[in-house]
Amino acid sequence: MEALAKIAQSLQDLILAIANKGRVADGNQKSVFEIALCGYKKGGVIPQFMLVPVYQQEGRIDIEPQLEHLNSRFNELMQLTHRGNYEYLEGLYPDIKQRNTIVEALYQFTNSTGDSPMAFVEFDERDYPTQIYQVRKLEPVVRDKLFSGSAGRENLSSDHLDLGEVGNKNVIGGEIQTSSFSPTTVTFNQKVYHFRYPLRCRLEVHEGYCLIHSELLDLTGTGETFDAARKSFSQEFDFAFHRLNQLPKDQLTNRLNLIKANLNFLVIKIESIWRS
């Protein structure tokens, strides 16, 4: 219960920070945007939270615009946590004071489960959970750079990174500024996905932080090192391949159907690796 309380409190603080656009919430605002645990799913392992209903009183300020802002901005932030590209917070919150409040609340929330993974899910008519957003941790080094307003791409000496299949580097003075990563296979959970052609990805190297993104498949992997980012990308690839192929065409959006088609065309063979 202590762990759940920590998650709930950090989620509450994040919601208040979003609703008040980075300003400190007063007592009335805290009551309007209060969340509560409303139940559990799947044997008590998936908690459900909801905003406590607020009954509109005559003469009170209309809260609907704030609720719309909260819903829209919360989903934008969760998309960032899912992809791990936290540097875009500078664009969402150009005011440093507002951004610092949001960054700190987001940092506390994404790290509230310690080493355990966290995700937002929704349930279908069969009560089967489907992941909406994976919550990737906001690393301390990225948080500090967002505080200072310098979270853009940082240069990193090539001596500190094992680039593997990275190519097309722009190198100035021995420092990598931009690069592409083009794997021909992805390995995850004793499976090797063999590709029809190299999958061109963008590799962004920040100070102590790496991001791999495939625009074709809309997949992103992140980590403190290149190997960690590659492992994260492999996990996302495996999840997307299996989940999209589990669902029929009429249950997917046009974008997801296109990604599904790209995945199935890209993968020519799946090889099992048996370890004794």
Protein backbone atom coordinates (compact mmCIF):
# COMPACT_ATOMS: atom_id res chain seq x y z
CA MET A 1 0.00 0.00 0.00
CA GLU A 2 2.93 2.34 0.63
CA ALA A 3 4.09 1.93 -2.98
CA LEU A 4 0.57 2.57 -4.29
CA ALA A 5 0.25 5.65 -2.09
CA LYS A 6 3.49 7.03 -3.56
CA ILE A 7 2.22 6.50 -7.12
CA ALA A 8 -1.14 8.08 -6.28
CA GLN A 9 0.44 11.14 -4.65
CA SER A 10 2.87 11.73 -7.51
CA LEU A 11 0.02 11.37 -10.02
CA GLN A 12 -2.05 13.84 -7.99
CA ASP A 13 0.83 16.34 -7.94
CA LEU A 14 1.30 15.97 -11.70
CA ILE A 15 -2.41 16.54 -12.39
CA LEU A 16 -2.43 19.67 -10.22
CA ALA A 17 0.70 20.98 -11.94
CA ILE A 18 -0.88 20.45 -15.38
CA ALA A 19 -4.25 21.88 -14.42
CA ASN A 20 -2.66 25.01 -13.00
CA LYS A 21 -0.16 25.36 -15.85
CA GLY A 22 2.84 25.06 -13.57
CA ARG A 23 1.53 27.46 -10.90
CA VAL A 24 0.98 26.53 -7.27
CA ALA A 25 -2.57 25.28 -6.69
CA ASP A 26 -4.74 26.83 -4.01
CA GLY A 27 -7.20 24.92 -1.79
CA ASN A 28 -10.17 25.29 -4.15
CA GLN A 29 -8.18 24.05 -7.15
CA LYS A 30 -6.92 21.05 -5.18
CA SER A 31 -10.50 20.04 -4.41
CA VAL A 32 -11.57 20.45 -8.04
CA PHE A 33 -8.77 18.26 -9.42
CA GLU A 34 -8.58 15.68 -6.66
CA ILE A 35 -8.13 12.05 -7.74
CA ALA A 36 -9.18 8.92 -5.88
CA LEU A 37 -8.56 5.20 -6.14
CA CYS A 38 -11.82 3.75 -7.49
CA GLY A 39 -11.00 0.06 -7.89
CA TYR A 40 -8.71 -2.65 -9.17
CA LYS A 41 -8.61 -4.84 -12.26
CA LYS A 42 -7.10 -8.23 -13.07
CA GLY A 43 -6.91 -9.76 -9.63
CA GLY A 44 -6.08 -6.54 -7.85
CA VAL A 45 -2.83 -5.77 -9.66
CA ILE A 46 -4.05 -2.88 -11.87
CA PRO A 47 -5.29 0.12 -9.86
CA GLN A 48 -7.89 2.49 -11.31
CA PHE A 49 -7.95 6.20 -10.55
CA MET A 50 -10.58 8.82 -11.32
CA LEU A 51 -11.15 12.53 -10.78
CA VAL A 52 -13.49 13.04 -7.84
CA PRO A 53 -16.81 14.38 -9.28
CA VAL A 54 -17.31 18.09 -8.73
CA TYR A 55 -20.82 19.51 -8.74
CA GLN A 56 -21.00 22.88 -10.42
CA GLN A 57 -22.45 25.57 -8.17
CA GLU A 58 -24.09 28.76 -9.35
CA GLY A 59 -21.66 31.63 -9.41
CA ARG A 60 -18.56 29.44 -9.44
CA ILE A 61 -15.99 29.70 -12.20
CA ASP A 62 -16.69 27.29 -15.03
CA ILE A 63 -14.18 24.43 -14.67
CA GLU A 64 -14.89 22.84 -18.06
CA PRO A 65 -12.12 24.76 -19.89
CA GLN A 66 -9.65 23.67 -17.19
CA LEU A 67 -10.79 20.06 -17.49
CA GLU A 68 -10.37 20.20 -21.26
CA HIS A 69 -6.88 21.66 -20.85
CA LEU A 70 -6.02 18.99 -18.27
CA ASN A 71 -7.20 16.14 -20.50
CA SER A 72 -5.42 17.45 -23.60
CA ARG A 73 -2.13 18.31 -21.89
CA PHE A 74 -2.05 15.12 -19.78
CA ASN A 75 -2.32 13.01 -22.94
CA GLU A 76 0.40 15.08 -24.61
CA LEU A 77 2.72 14.48 -21.65
CA MET A 78 1.93 10.77 -21.57
CA GLN A 79 2.81 10.56 -25.27
CA LEU A 80 6.19 12.07 -24.38
CA THR A 81 6.69 9.57 -21.57
CA HIS A 82 5.74 6.73 -23.93
CA ARG A 83 8.32 7.78 -26.50
CA GLY A 84 10.87 9.12 -24.05
CA ASN A 85 11.49 12.36 -25.99
CA TYR A 86 11.25 14.65 -22.98
CA GLU A 87 13.18 17.43 -24.70
CA TYR A 88 9.89 18.51 -26.30
CA LEU A 89 8.81 19.82 -22.89
CA GLU A 90 10.75 22.99 -23.72
CA GLY A 91 8.31 23.65 -26.55
CA LEU A 92 5.21 22.77 -24.50
CA TYR A 93 6.34 24.95 -21.60
CA PRO A 94 8.60 27.78 -22.83
CA ASP A 95 8.23 29.63 -19.51
CA ILE A 96 11.03 28.31 -17.27
CA LYS A 97 9.12 28.57 -13.98
CA GLN A 98 6.12 26.70 -15.35
CA ARG A 99 8.34 24.11 -17.03
CA ASN A 100 10.33 23.47 -13.85
CA THR A 101 7.16 22.70 -11.91
CA ILE A 102 5.92 20.31 -14.61
CA VAL A 103 9.32 18.64 -15.01
CA GLU A 104 9.69 18.00 -11.29
CA ALA A 105 6.15 16.58 -11.04
CA LEU A 106 6.74 14.41 -14.11
CA TYR A 107 10.08 13.24 -12.75
CA GLN A 108 8.52 12.19 -9.43
CA PHE A 109 5.66 10.37 -11.17
CA THR A 110 7.73 8.47 -13.74
CA ASN A 111 10.13 7.34 -11.00
CA SER A 112 7.46 6.53 -8.41
CA THR A 113 7.58 2.77 -9.07
CA GLY A 114 11.33 2.42 -8.59
CA ASP A 115 12.70 -0.28 -10.90
CA SER A 116 9.23 -1.70 -11.69
CA PRO A 117 7.66 -0.90 -15.09
CA MET A 118 4.51 1.22 -15.32
CA ALA A 119 1.95 1.78 -18.07
CA PHE A 120 -1.54 3.14 -18.68
CA VAL A 121 -3.98 0.58 -20.08
CA GLU A 122 -7.58 0.39 -21.25
CA PHE A 123 -9.89 -2.61 -21.15
CA ASP A 124 -11.91 -4.05 -24.04
CA GLU A 125 -15.31 -5.71 -23.86
CA ARG A 126 -13.65 -8.94 -22.71
CA ASP A 127 -11.95 -7.07 -19.87
CA TYR A 128 -8.57 -7.58 -21.59
CA PRO A 129 -6.00 -4.80 -20.95
CA THR A 130 -4.32 -3.01 -23.83
CA GLN A 131 -1.39 -0.70 -23.23
CA ILE A 132 -2.00 2.93 -24.17
CA TYR A 133 1.13 4.57 -22.80
CA GLN A 134 4.30 3.06 -21.42
CA VAL A 135 5.69 5.33 -18.72
CA ARG A 136 9.41 5.72 -19.33
CA LYS A 137 11.48 7.20 -16.53
CA LEU A 138 12.60 10.79 -16.83
CA GLU A 139 16.30 10.44 -16.11
CA PRO A 140 18.01 12.87 -13.69
CA VAL A 141 20.42 14.14 -16.34
CA VAL A 142 17.52 15.05 -18.68
CA ARG A 143 15.56 16.63 -15.82
CA ASP A 144 18.55 18.82 -14.92
CA LYS A 145 18.95 19.97 -18.51
CA LEU A 146 15.24 20.82 -18.74
CA PHE A 147 15.64 22.88 -15.57
CA SER A 148 18.48 24.81 -17.17
CA GLY A 149 16.71 25.15 -20.51
CA SER A 150 19.35 23.22 -22.46
CA ALA A 151 17.70 19.88 -23.16
CA GLY A 152 18.34 20.00 -26.89
CA ARG A 153 20.67 17.56 -28.57
CA GLU A 154 24.06 17.44 -26.85
CA ASN A 155 27.36 16.44 -28.34
CA LEU A 156 29.02 13.31 -26.99
CA SER A 157 32.52 12.06 -27.65
CA SER A 158 32.50 8.98 -29.88
CA ASP A 159 34.81 7.31 -27.35
CA HIS A 160 31.86 6.93 -24.95
CA LEU A 161 29.45 5.13 -27.31
CA ASP A 162 29.55 1.74 -28.99
CA LEU A 163 27.69 2.54 -32.20
CA GLY A 164 27.31 -0.98 -33.59
CA GLU A 165 25.25 -0.65 -36.79
CA VAL A 166 25.18 3.15 -36.72
CA GLY A 167 26.11 4.90 -39.94
CA ASN A 168 25.82 8.18 -41.86
CA LYS A 169 27.37 10.15 -39.00
CA ASN A 170 28.04 13.86 -39.20
CA VAL A 171 31.27 14.27 -37.24
CA ILE A 172 32.77 17.62 -36.38
CA GLY A 173 35.92 17.76 -34.26
CA GLY A 174 35.51 14.11 -33.21
CA GLU A 175 32.02 14.69 -31.72
CA ILE A 176 28.86 13.02 -33.02
CA GLN A 177 26.06 15.47 -33.77
CA THR A 178 23.64 13.36 -35.78
CA SER A 179 23.53 9.74 -36.84
CA SER A 180 21.30 7.00 -38.22
CA PHE A 181 20.87 3.46 -36.94
CA SER A 182 19.91 0.79 -39.50
CA PRO A 183 19.49 -2.68 -37.96
CA THR A 184 18.81 -5.73 -40.13
CA THR A 185 17.48 -7.77 -37.18
CA VAL A 186 15.79 -7.20 -33.83
CA THR A 187 16.23 -9.68 -30.98
CA PHE A 188 13.89 -9.93 -28.02
CA ASN A 189 12.70 -12.73 -25.68
CA GLN A 190 14.53 -15.53 -27.50
CA LYS A 191 13.24 -14.38 -30.90
CA VAL A 192 15.13 -12.84 -33.80
CA TYR A 193 13.15 -10.80 -36.32
CA HIS A 194 14.95 -10.83 -39.69
CA PHE A 195 14.24 -7.85 -41.95
CA ARG A 196 13.74 -7.63 -45.71
CA TYR A 197 15.93 -4.51 -45.72
CA PRO A 198 17.75 -2.39 -43.10
CA LEU A 199 15.32 -0.42 -40.95
CA ARG A 200 16.47 3.17 -41.02
CA CYS A 201 16.12 4.85 -37.61
CA ARG A 202 17.15 8.16 -36.14
CA LEU A 203 19.66 8.04 -33.28
CA GLU A 204 19.74 11.01 -30.93
CA VAL A 205 22.59 11.15 -28.43
CA HIS A 206 22.21 13.39 -25.42
CA GLU A 207 24.59 13.64 -22.51
CA GLY A 208 24.15 10.31 -20.76
CA TYR A 209 20.98 9.53 -22.75
CA CYS A 210 20.18 7.86 -26.08
CA LEU A 211 17.03 7.68 -28.18
CA ILE A 212 16.31 5.46 -31.21
CA HIS A 213 13.25 6.28 -33.32
CA SER A 214 11.77 4.66 -36.44
CA GLU A 215 9.53 7.09 -38.31
CA LEU A 216 8.26 4.27 -40.55
CA LEU A 217 6.96 2.25 -37.60
CA ASP A 218 6.49 5.10 -35.11
CA LEU A 219 8.55 3.19 -32.52
CA THR A 220 10.98 4.65 -30.00
CA GLY A 221 13.53 3.14 -27.63
CA THR A 222 15.36 5.09 -24.94
CA GLY A 223 18.07 4.42 -22.38
CA GLU A 224 21.10 5.79 -20.62
CA THR A 225 23.35 3.92 -23.06
CA PHE A 226 23.09 2.84 -26.69
CA ASP A 227 22.68 -0.81 -25.65
CA ALA A 228 19.87 0.11 -23.25
CA ALA A 229 18.11 2.17 -25.93
CA ARG A 230 18.47 -0.69 -28.42
CA LYS A 231 16.99 -3.15 -25.90
CA SER A 232 14.10 -0.75 -25.26
CA PHE A 233 13.51 -0.40 -29.01
CA SER A 234 13.51 -4.19 -29.42
CA GLN A 235 10.91 -4.53 -26.69
CA GLU A 236 8.69 -1.93 -28.35
CA PHE A 237 9.10 -3.66 -31.72
CA ASP A 238 8.14 -7.07 -30.30
CA PHE A 239 5.09 -5.64 -28.51
CA ALA A 240 3.88 -3.73 -31.59
CA PHE A 241 4.35 -6.71 -33.93
CA HIS A 242 2.37 -9.10 -31.76
CA ARG A 243 -0.31 -6.68 -30.57
CA LEU A 244 -1.13 -5.29 -34.02
CA ASN A 245 -1.28 -8.77 -35.53
CA GLN A 246 -3.68 -9.86 -32.79
CA LEU A 247 -6.23 -7.22 -33.79
CA PRO A 248 -8.37 -7.28 -36.97
CA LYS A 249 -8.26 -4.43 -39.44
CA ASP A 250 -11.60 -2.95 -38.39
CA GLN A 251 -10.35 -2.46 -34.80
CA LEU A 252 -7.34 -0.40 -35.86
CA THR A 253 -7.05 3.18 -37.03
CA ASN A 254 -5.76 3.93 -40.53
CA ARG A 255 -2.36 4.86 -39.07
CA LEU A 256 -2.08 1.62 -37.09
CA ASN A 257 -3.17 -0.44 -40.10
CA LEU A 258 -0.38 1.21 -42.10
CA ILE A 259 2.17 0.45 -39.36
CA LYS A 260 0.91 -3.14 -39.23
CA ALA A 261 1.36 -3.50 -43.00
CA ASN A 262 4.87 -2.02 -42.79
CA LEU A 263 5.81 -4.42 -39.99
CA ASN A 264 4.54 -7.48 -41.82
CA PHE A 265 6.30 -6.48 -45.03
CA LEU A 266 9.54 -5.71 -43.19
CA VAL A 267 9.77 -9.01 -41.28
CA ILE A 268 10.64 -11.94 -43.54
CA LYS A 269 11.46 -14.51 -40.84
CA ILE A 270 11.17 -14.98 -37.08
CA GLU A 271 13.84 -17.25 -35.66
CA SER A 272 13.54 -18.84 -32.22
CA ILE A 273 16.61 -18.96 -29.99
CA TRP A 274 16.57 -21.84 -27.56
CA ARG A 275 18.86 -21.46 -24.59
CA SER A 276 19.70 -24.44 -22.39
